Amino acid sequence: MSESFAFAPPAVVSVPVLGHTERFPVHRIYCVGRNYEEHAKEMGFTGREPPFFFLKPADAIVVAEAGQTASIPYPSLTKNLHHEIELVVAIGKGGRNIRAQDAAQHIYGYAVGLDMTRRDLQSDMKKQGRPWCIGKAYDQSAPIGPITVAADAGAINEAGIWIQVNGTDRQRSNVAKLIWNVAETIEVLSAAWELQAGDLIYTGTPEGVAAVVQGDTMVGGVDGLTSISVQVA
């Protein structure tokens, strides 16, 4: 007997895979906080603190197709919308308690992503000691470019990462400066949650986060991956 639903289930959220017809279906979006030292400093923190995580809903994804400019609306309630450019890891094989030395076996590929942040709302929640989902996990807050399969991504752990706003540099660093590298992140993350095929990990942003306004165009990339272009509508 087939199942029936009270209303039509939402469509599967997916991301294109460069050079392939099949798409990557998204399960969960994990994000790593303050994972570059200089960004931690600009947010008022120092040192190699234990990694911590927050989540975004899968339908926060906005796909920035190769060679096109995606559009996101300026979100409600905020007056201080920030860009955060990030390397995104796509998980192709799930698992729990994955060792760092085994992490590569679980990686399907990599992409360029943006963790858009309603900074004023996040800051207000921090001051009150409350969860700051409202600053991070809102609609269309996770733009992402096409996924490059791991075998084609090159020396991703030493790749440059950057973003320009209206043609001017805002963030420019190197993935090698991650406080917790990709393998270490997967080890810690998989101890807290059982990772699943379809999970995306936004690995953190370097220093230089700043506000964008309506009409701004953000172009960002990680060397070896397809760059993304996103305009704030």
C-alpha atoms as a PDB file:
ATOM      1  CA  MET A   1       0.000   0.000   0.000  1.00  0.00           C
ATOM      2  CA  SER A   2       1.480   3.310  -1.063  1.00  0.00           C
ATOM      3  CA  GLU A   3       1.806   6.138   1.430  1.00  0.00           C
ATOM      4  CA  SER A   4      -0.351   9.213   1.196  1.00  0.00           C
ATOM      5  CA  PHE A   5       0.480  12.649   2.534  1.00  0.00           C
ATOM      6  CA  ALA A   6      -1.538  15.559   3.856  1.00  0.00           C
ATOM      7  CA  PHE A   7       0.087  17.701   1.164  1.00  0.00           C
ATOM      8  CA  ALA A   8       2.744  17.255  -1.498  1.00  0.00           C
ATOM      9  CA  PRO A   9       6.193  16.630   0.054  1.00  0.00           C
ATOM     10  CA  PRO A  10       8.835  19.233  -0.806  1.00  0.00           C
ATOM     11  CA  ALA A  11      11.164  18.504  -3.693  1.00  0.00           C
ATOM     12  CA  VAL A  12      14.623  17.103  -2.944  1.00  0.00           C
ATOM     13  CA  VAL A  13      17.191  19.878  -2.644  1.00  0.00           C
ATOM     14  CA  SER A  14      20.174  19.136  -4.861  1.00  0.00           C
ATOM     15  CA  VAL A  15      23.392  20.646  -6.189  1.00  0.00           C
ATOM     16  CA  PRO A  16      24.837  20.093  -9.692  1.00  0.00           C
ATOM     17  CA  VAL A  17      28.032  18.055 -10.054  1.00  0.00           C
ATOM     18  CA  LEU A  18      30.549  19.485 -12.497  1.00  0.00           C
ATOM     19  CA  GLY A  19      30.835  17.336 -15.633  1.00  0.00           C
ATOM     20  CA  HIS A  20      28.141  14.868 -14.530  1.00  0.00           C
ATOM     21  CA  THR A  21      24.438  14.546 -15.279  1.00  0.00           C
ATOM     22  CA  GLU A  22      23.518  13.304 -11.806  1.00  0.00           C
ATOM     23  CA  ARG A  23      23.015  15.828  -9.009  1.00  0.00           C
ATOM     24  CA  PHE A  24      24.068  15.696  -5.358  1.00  0.00           C
ATOM     25  CA  PRO A  25      20.985  15.383  -3.080  1.00  0.00           C
ATOM     26  CA  VAL A  26      21.382  17.427   0.095  1.00  0.00           C
ATOM     27  CA  HIS A  27      20.676  15.821   3.470  1.00  0.00           C
ATOM     28  CA  ARG A  28      21.984  18.242   6.132  1.00  0.00           C
ATOM     29  CA  ILE A  29      24.153  21.356   6.171  1.00  0.00           C
ATOM     30  CA  TYR A  30      26.743  21.525   8.958  1.00  0.00           C
ATOM     31  CA  CYS A  31      28.764  24.704   9.472  1.00  0.00           C
ATOM     32  CA  VAL A  32      31.985  25.130  11.454  1.00  0.00           C
ATOM     33  CA  GLY A  33      32.271  28.292  13.528  1.00  0.00           C
ATOM     34  CA  ARG A  34      35.392  30.460  13.832  1.00  0.00           C
ATOM     35  CA  ASN A  35      37.708  28.048  11.999  1.00  0.00           C
ATOM     36  CA  TYR A  36      40.324  30.542  10.780  1.00  0.00           C
ATOM     37  CA  GLU A  37      42.480  32.220  13.443  1.00  0.00           C
ATOM     38  CA  GLU A  38      42.293  35.744  12.014  1.00  0.00           C
ATOM     39  CA  HIS A  39      38.511  35.529  11.665  1.00  0.00           C
ATOM     40  CA  ALA A  40      38.248  34.301  15.262  1.00  0.00           C
ATOM     41  CA  LYS A  41      40.255  37.373  16.304  1.00  0.00           C
ATOM     42  CA  GLU A  42      38.030  39.769  14.385  1.00  0.00           C
ATOM     43  CA  MET A  43      35.048  38.192  16.160  1.00  0.00           C
ATOM     44  CA  GLY A  44      36.730  38.742  19.522  1.00  0.00           C
ATOM     45  CA  PHE A  45      38.241  35.314  20.156  1.00  0.00           C
ATOM     46  CA  THR A  46      41.754  33.876  20.052  1.00  0.00           C
ATOM     47  CA  GLY A  47      43.454  30.496  20.102  1.00  0.00           C
ATOM     48  CA  ARG A  48      42.635  27.028  18.835  1.00  0.00           C
ATOM     49  CA  GLU A  49      39.376  26.440  20.645  1.00  0.00           C
ATOM     50  CA  PRO A  50      37.582  23.103  20.254  1.00  0.00           C
ATOM     51  CA  PRO A  51      35.527  23.085  17.036  1.00  0.00           C
ATOM     52  CA  PHE A  52      31.845  23.901  17.301  1.00  0.00           C
ATOM     53  CA  PHE A  53      29.041  23.551  14.817  1.00  0.00           C
ATOM     54  CA  PHE A  54      25.698  24.970  13.802  1.00  0.00           C
ATOM     55  CA  LEU A  55      23.250  23.789  11.158  1.00  0.00           C
ATOM     56  CA  LYS A  56      21.314  25.297   8.312  1.00  0.00           C
ATOM     57  CA  PRO A  57      18.245  23.675   6.743  1.00  0.00           C
ATOM     58  CA  ALA A  58      18.768  21.954   3.397  1.00  0.00           C
ATOM     59  CA  ASP A  59      16.354  24.347   1.731  1.00  0.00           C
ATOM     60  CA  ALA A  60      18.612  27.293   2.628  1.00  0.00           C
ATOM     61  CA  ILE A  61      20.583  26.228  -0.467  1.00  0.00           C
ATOM     62  CA  VAL A  62      20.687  28.584  -3.444  1.00  0.00           C
ATOM     63  CA  VAL A  63      22.565  27.125  -6.405  1.00  0.00           C
ATOM     64  CA  ALA A  64      24.892  29.510  -8.220  1.00  0.00           C
ATOM     65  CA  GLU A  65      25.245  27.777 -11.585  1.00  0.00           C
ATOM     66  CA  ALA A  66      28.597  27.923 -13.358  1.00  0.00           C
ATOM     67  CA  GLY A  67      28.919  31.079 -15.431  1.00  0.00           C
ATOM     68  CA  GLN A  68      25.732  32.625 -14.046  1.00  0.00           C
ATOM     69  CA  THR A  69      24.906  35.083 -11.284  1.00  0.00           C
ATOM     70  CA  ALA A  70      22.462  33.784  -8.722  1.00  0.00           C
ATOM     71  CA  SER A  71      20.144  36.159  -6.887  1.00  0.00           C
ATOM     72  CA  ILE A  72      19.289  36.208  -3.198  1.00  0.00           C
ATOM     73  CA  PRO A  73      16.920  38.661  -1.533  1.00  0.00           C
ATOM     74  CA  TYR A  74      18.102  41.002   1.181  1.00  0.00           C
ATOM     75  CA  PRO A  75      16.586  39.149   4.157  1.00  0.00           C
ATOM     76  CA  SER A  76      14.008  40.494   6.565  1.00  0.00           C
ATOM     77  CA  LEU A  77      14.675  41.836  10.086  1.00  0.00           C
ATOM     78  CA  THR A  78      18.356  42.673   9.518  1.00  0.00           C
ATOM     79  CA  LYS A  79      20.306  45.841   8.828  1.00  0.00           C
ATOM     80  CA  ASN A  80      23.718  44.145   8.796  1.00  0.00           C
ATOM     81  CA  LEU A  81      23.970  41.278   6.284  1.00  0.00           C
ATOM     82  CA  HIS A  82      27.466  39.747   6.090  1.00  0.00           C
ATOM     83  CA  HIS A  83      29.183  37.528   3.522  1.00  0.00           C
ATOM     84  CA  GLU A  84      31.317  34.568   4.652  1.00  0.00           C
ATOM     85  CA  ILE A  85      33.131  32.691   1.862  1.00  0.00           C
ATOM     86  CA  GLU A  86      33.756  29.014   2.601  1.00  0.00           C
ATOM     87  CA  LEU A  87      35.112  25.748   1.239  1.00  0.00           C
ATOM     88  CA  VAL A  88      32.250  23.235   1.282  1.00  0.00           C
ATOM     89  CA  VAL A  89      32.851  19.508   1.683  1.00  0.00           C
ATOM     90  CA  ALA A  90      30.268  17.136   0.183  1.00  0.00           C
ATOM     91  CA  ILE A  91      29.952  13.788   1.966  1.00  0.00           C
ATOM     92  CA  GLY A  92      29.392  10.758  -0.249  1.00  0.00           C
ATOM     93  CA  LYS A  93      29.719   7.977   2.331  1.00  0.00           C
ATOM     94  CA  GLY A  94      28.280   8.289   5.809  1.00  0.00           C
ATOM     95  CA  GLY A  95      29.601   7.037   9.105  1.00  0.00           C
ATOM     96  CA  ARG A  96      30.059   7.612  12.806  1.00  0.00           C
ATOM     97  CA  ASN A  97      33.357   8.102  14.671  1.00  0.00           C
ATOM     98  CA  ILE A  98      35.313   8.473  11.438  1.00  0.00           C
ATOM     99  CA  ARG A  99      39.045   8.756  12.055  1.00  0.00           C
ATOM    100  CA  ALA A 100      40.836  11.707  10.501  1.00  0.00           C
ATOM    101  CA  GLN A 101      43.114   9.386   8.537  1.00  0.00           C
ATOM    102  CA  ASP A 102      40.033   7.751   6.987  1.00  0.00           C
ATOM    103  CA  ALA A 103      38.102  10.949   6.258  1.00  0.00           C
ATOM    104  CA  ALA A 104      39.065  11.135   2.570  1.00  0.00           C
ATOM    105  CA  GLN A 105      37.148   7.902   1.920  1.00  0.00           C
ATOM    106  CA  HIS A 106      33.935   9.685   2.898  1.00  0.00           C
ATOM    107  CA  ILE A 107      34.355  12.810   0.748  1.00  0.00           C
ATOM    108  CA  TYR A 108      32.439  12.952  -2.527  1.00  0.00           C
ATOM    109  CA  GLY A 109      33.692  16.355  -3.582  1.00  0.00           C
ATOM    110  CA  TYR A 110      34.076  20.051  -2.856  1.00  0.00           C
ATOM    111  CA  ALA A 111      32.324  23.306  -3.716  1.00  0.00           C
ATOM    112  CA  VAL A 112      32.452  27.034  -3.020  1.00  0.00           C
ATOM    113  CA  GLY A 113      29.791  28.309  -0.656  1.00  0.00           C
ATOM    114  CA  LEU A 114      28.602  31.400   1.177  1.00  0.00           C
ATOM    115  CA  ASP A 115      27.407  31.382   4.768  1.00  0.00           C
ATOM    116  CA  MET A 116      25.264  34.524   4.679  1.00  0.00           C
ATOM    117  CA  THR A 117      24.717  35.930   8.145  1.00  0.00           C
ATOM    118  CA  ARG A 118      22.276  38.383   9.698  1.00  0.00           C
ATOM    119  CA  ARG A 119      25.067  39.667  11.947  1.00  0.00           C
ATOM    120  CA  ASP A 120      22.998  42.026  14.058  1.00  0.00           C
ATOM    121  CA  LEU A 121      20.498  39.289  14.908  1.00  0.00           C
ATOM    122  CA  GLN A 122      23.309  36.841  15.662  1.00  0.00           C
ATOM    123  CA  SER A 123      24.999  39.378  17.945  1.00  0.00           C
ATOM    124  CA  ASP A 124      21.766  40.103  19.797  1.00  0.00           C
ATOM    125  CA  MET A 125      21.215  36.416  20.469  1.00  0.00           C
ATOM    126  CA  LYS A 126      24.808  35.987  21.672  1.00  0.00           C
ATOM    127  CA  LYS A 127      24.390  38.829  24.154  1.00  0.00           C
ATOM    128  CA  GLN A 128      21.254  37.183  25.532  1.00  0.00           C
ATOM    129  CA  GLY A 129      22.853  33.729  25.714  1.00  0.00           C
ATOM    130  CA  ARG A 130      20.265  32.370  23.291  1.00  0.00           C
ATOM    131  CA  PRO A 131      20.645  30.192  20.169  1.00  0.00           C
ATOM    132  CA  TRP A 132      21.506  32.261  17.105  1.00  0.00           C
ATOM    133  CA  CYS A 133      19.723  30.222  14.432  1.00  0.00           C
ATOM    134  CA  ILE A 134      17.857  33.372  13.412  1.00  0.00           C
ATOM    135  CA  GLY A 135      21.161  34.923  12.347  1.00  0.00           C
ATOM    136  CA  LYS A 136      22.429  31.924  10.388  1.00  0.00           C
ATOM    137  CA  ALA A 137      19.722  29.428   9.429  1.00  0.00           C
ATOM    138  CA  TYR A 138      17.280  31.615   7.548  1.00  0.00           C
ATOM    139  CA  ASP A 139      15.879  31.234   4.019  1.00  0.00           C
ATOM    140  CA  GLN A 140      18.383  31.324   1.119  1.00  0.00           C
ATOM    141  CA  SER A 141      21.340  31.756   3.476  1.00  0.00           C
ATOM    142  CA  ALA A 142      23.555  29.068   1.902  1.00  0.00           C
ATOM    143  CA  PRO A 143      24.477  29.855  -1.724  1.00  0.00           C
ATOM    144  CA  ILE A 144      26.686  27.195  -3.284  1.00  0.00           C
ATOM    145  CA  GLY A 145      28.368  26.497  -6.610  1.00  0.00           C
ATOM    146  CA  PRO A 146      28.652  23.206  -8.498  1.00  0.00           C
ATOM    147  CA  ILE A 147      30.410  20.339  -6.746  1.00  0.00           C
ATOM    148  CA  THR A 148      33.749  19.153  -8.118  1.00  0.00           C
ATOM    149  CA  VAL A 149      34.376  15.474  -7.395  1.00  0.00           C
ATOM    150  CA  ALA A 150      37.303  14.948  -5.028  1.00  0.00           C
ATOM    151  CA  ALA A 151      39.565  13.318  -7.634  1.00  0.00           C
ATOM    152  CA  ASP A 152      39.381  16.477  -9.768  1.00  0.00           C
ATOM    153  CA  ALA A 153      39.768  19.058  -7.001  1.00  0.00           C
ATOM    154  CA  GLY A 154      43.574  19.159  -6.907  1.00  0.00           C
ATOM    155  CA  ALA A 155      45.482  20.296  -3.816  1.00  0.00           C
ATOM    156  CA  ILE A 156      42.360  21.526  -2.076  1.00  0.00           C
ATOM    157  CA  ASN A 157      43.952  21.656   1.383  1.00  0.00           C
ATOM    158  CA  GLU A 158      46.398  24.312   0.155  1.00  0.00           C
ATOM    159  CA  ALA A 159      44.037  26.254  -2.088  1.00  0.00           C
ATOM    160  CA  GLY A 160      43.507  29.988  -2.032  1.00  0.00           C
ATOM    161  CA  ILE A 161      40.070  31.166  -0.885  1.00  0.00           C
ATOM    162  CA  TRP A 162      38.704  34.610  -1.708  1.00  0.00           C
ATOM    163  CA  ILE A 163      35.723  36.841  -2.311  1.00  0.00           C
ATOM    164  CA  GLN A 164      35.272  40.177  -4.048  1.00  0.00           C
ATOM    165  CA  VAL A 165      32.305  42.506  -3.665  1.00  0.00           C
ATOM    166  CA  ASN A 166      31.657  44.701  -6.687  1.00  0.00           C
ATOM    167  CA  GLY A 167      35.156  43.845  -7.915  1.00  0.00           C
ATOM    168  CA  THR A 168      36.981  44.778  -4.696  1.00  0.00           C
ATOM    169  CA  ASP A 169      38.728  42.216  -2.476  1.00  0.00           C
ATOM    170  CA  ARG A 170      37.022  41.553   0.853  1.00  0.00           C
ATOM    171  CA  GLN A 171      38.362  38.165   1.967  1.00  0.00           C
ATOM    172  CA  ARG A 172      41.524  36.448   0.725  1.00  0.00           C
ATOM    173  CA  SER A 173      43.315  33.610   2.519  1.00  0.00           C
ATOM    174  CA  ASN A 174      44.266  29.953   2.109  1.00  0.00           C
ATOM    175  CA  VAL A 175      42.530  26.732   3.118  1.00  0.00           C
ATOM    176  CA  ALA A 176      45.811  25.676   4.748  1.00  0.00           C
ATOM    177  CA  LYS A 177      45.030  28.240   7.471  1.00  0.00           C
ATOM    178  CA  LEU A 178      41.996  26.314   8.732  1.00  0.00           C
ATOM    179  CA  ILE A 179      42.386  25.824  12.484  1.00  0.00           C
ATOM    180  CA  TRP A 180      40.708  22.414  12.180  1.00  0.00           C
ATOM    181  CA  ASN A 181      41.416  20.967   8.748  1.00  0.00           C
ATOM    182  CA  VAL A 182      38.878  19.016   6.731  1.00  0.00           C
ATOM    183  CA  ALA A 183      39.898  15.589   8.048  1.00  0.00           C
ATOM    184  CA  GLU A 184      39.937  16.747  11.676  1.00  0.00           C
ATOM    185  CA  THR A 185      36.556  18.416  11.233  1.00  0.00           C
ATOM    186  CA  ILE A 186      35.026  15.212   9.876  1.00  0.00           C
ATOM    187  CA  GLU A 187      36.463  13.246  12.811  1.00  0.00           C
ATOM    188  CA  VAL A 188      34.965  15.562  15.430  1.00  0.00           C
ATOM    189  CA  LEU A 189      31.692  16.100  13.586  1.00  0.00           C
ATOM    190  CA  SER A 190      31.101  12.366  13.101  1.00  0.00           C
ATOM    191  CA  ALA A 191      31.535  11.790  16.830  1.00  0.00           C
ATOM    192  CA  ALA A 192      28.556  14.050  17.489  1.00  0.00           C
ATOM    193  CA  TRP A 193      26.326  13.082  14.555  1.00  0.00           C
ATOM    194  CA  GLU A 194      26.253  10.097  12.235  1.00  0.00           C
ATOM    195  CA  LEU A 195      27.199  11.622   8.916  1.00  0.00           C
ATOM    196  CA  GLN A 196      25.098  10.667   5.913  1.00  0.00           C
ATOM    197  CA  ALA A 197      25.676  10.676   2.178  1.00  0.00           C
ATOM    198  CA  GLY A 198      24.308  14.029   1.060  1.00  0.00           C
ATOM    199  CA  ASP A 199      25.640  16.043   3.988  1.00  0.00           C
ATOM    200  CA  LEU A 200      27.424  19.323   3.262  1.00  0.00           C
ATOM    201  CA  ILE A 201      30.043  20.789   5.599  1.00  0.00           C
ATOM    202  CA  TYR A 202      30.715  24.524   5.357  1.00  0.00           C
ATOM    203  CA  THR A 203      34.214  24.531   6.816  1.00  0.00           C
ATOM    204  CA  GLY A 204      34.540  28.116   8.071  1.00  0.00           C
ATOM    205  CA  THR A 205      35.460  31.541   6.752  1.00  0.00           C
ATOM    206  CA  PRO A 206      38.680  33.591   6.849  1.00  0.00           C
ATOM    207  CA  GLU A 207      38.993  37.161   8.084  1.00  0.00           C
ATOM    208  CA  GLY A 208      37.424  40.072   6.240  1.00  0.00           C
ATOM    209  CA  VAL A 209      33.726  39.420   6.729  1.00  0.00           C
ATOM    210  CA  ALA A 210      31.729  42.573   6.081  1.00  0.00           C
ATOM    211  CA  ALA A 211      28.332  43.878   5.146  1.00  0.00           C
ATOM    212  CA  VAL A 212      26.647  43.798   1.760  1.00  0.00           C
ATOM    213  CA  VAL A 213      23.628  45.796   0.638  1.00  0.00           C
ATOM    214  CA  GLN A 214      21.019  45.531  -2.077  1.00  0.00           C
ATOM    215  CA  GLY A 215      22.601  45.607  -5.525  1.00  0.00           C
ATOM    216  CA  ASP A 216      25.991  44.268  -4.418  1.00  0.00           C
ATOM    217  CA  THR A 217      27.503  41.389  -6.404  1.00  0.00           C
ATOM    218  CA  MET A 218      29.726  38.874  -4.617  1.00  0.00           C
ATOM    219  CA  VAL A 219      32.162  36.774  -6.648  1.00  0.00           C
ATOM    220  CA  GLY A 220      34.035  34.172  -4.642  1.00  0.00           C
ATOM    221  CA  GLY A 221      36.141  31.111  -5.146  1.00  0.00           C
ATOM    222  CA  VAL A 222      38.465  28.422  -3.940  1.00  0.00           C
ATOM    223  CA  ASP A 223      41.360  27.716  -6.293  1.00  0.00           C
ATOM    224  CA  GLY A 224      40.670  24.585  -8.347  1.00  0.00           C
ATOM    225  CA  LEU A 225      36.892  24.813  -7.942  1.00  0.00           C
ATOM    226  CA  THR A 226      34.170  26.611  -9.904  1.00  0.00           C
ATOM    227  CA  SER A 227      33.743  30.136  -8.553  1.00  0.00           C
ATOM    228  CA  ILE A 228      30.345  31.565  -7.688  1.00  0.00           C
ATOM    229  CA  SER A 229      28.625  34.862  -8.400  1.00  0.00           C
ATOM    230  CA  VAL A 230      25.726  36.002  -6.206  1.00  0.00           C
ATOM    231  CA  GLN A 231      23.854  39.300  -6.259  1.00  0.00           C
ATOM    232  CA  VAL A 232      21.834  40.718  -3.383  1.00  0.00           C
ATOM    233  CA  ALA A 233      18.498  41.630  -4.931  1.00  0.00           C
END
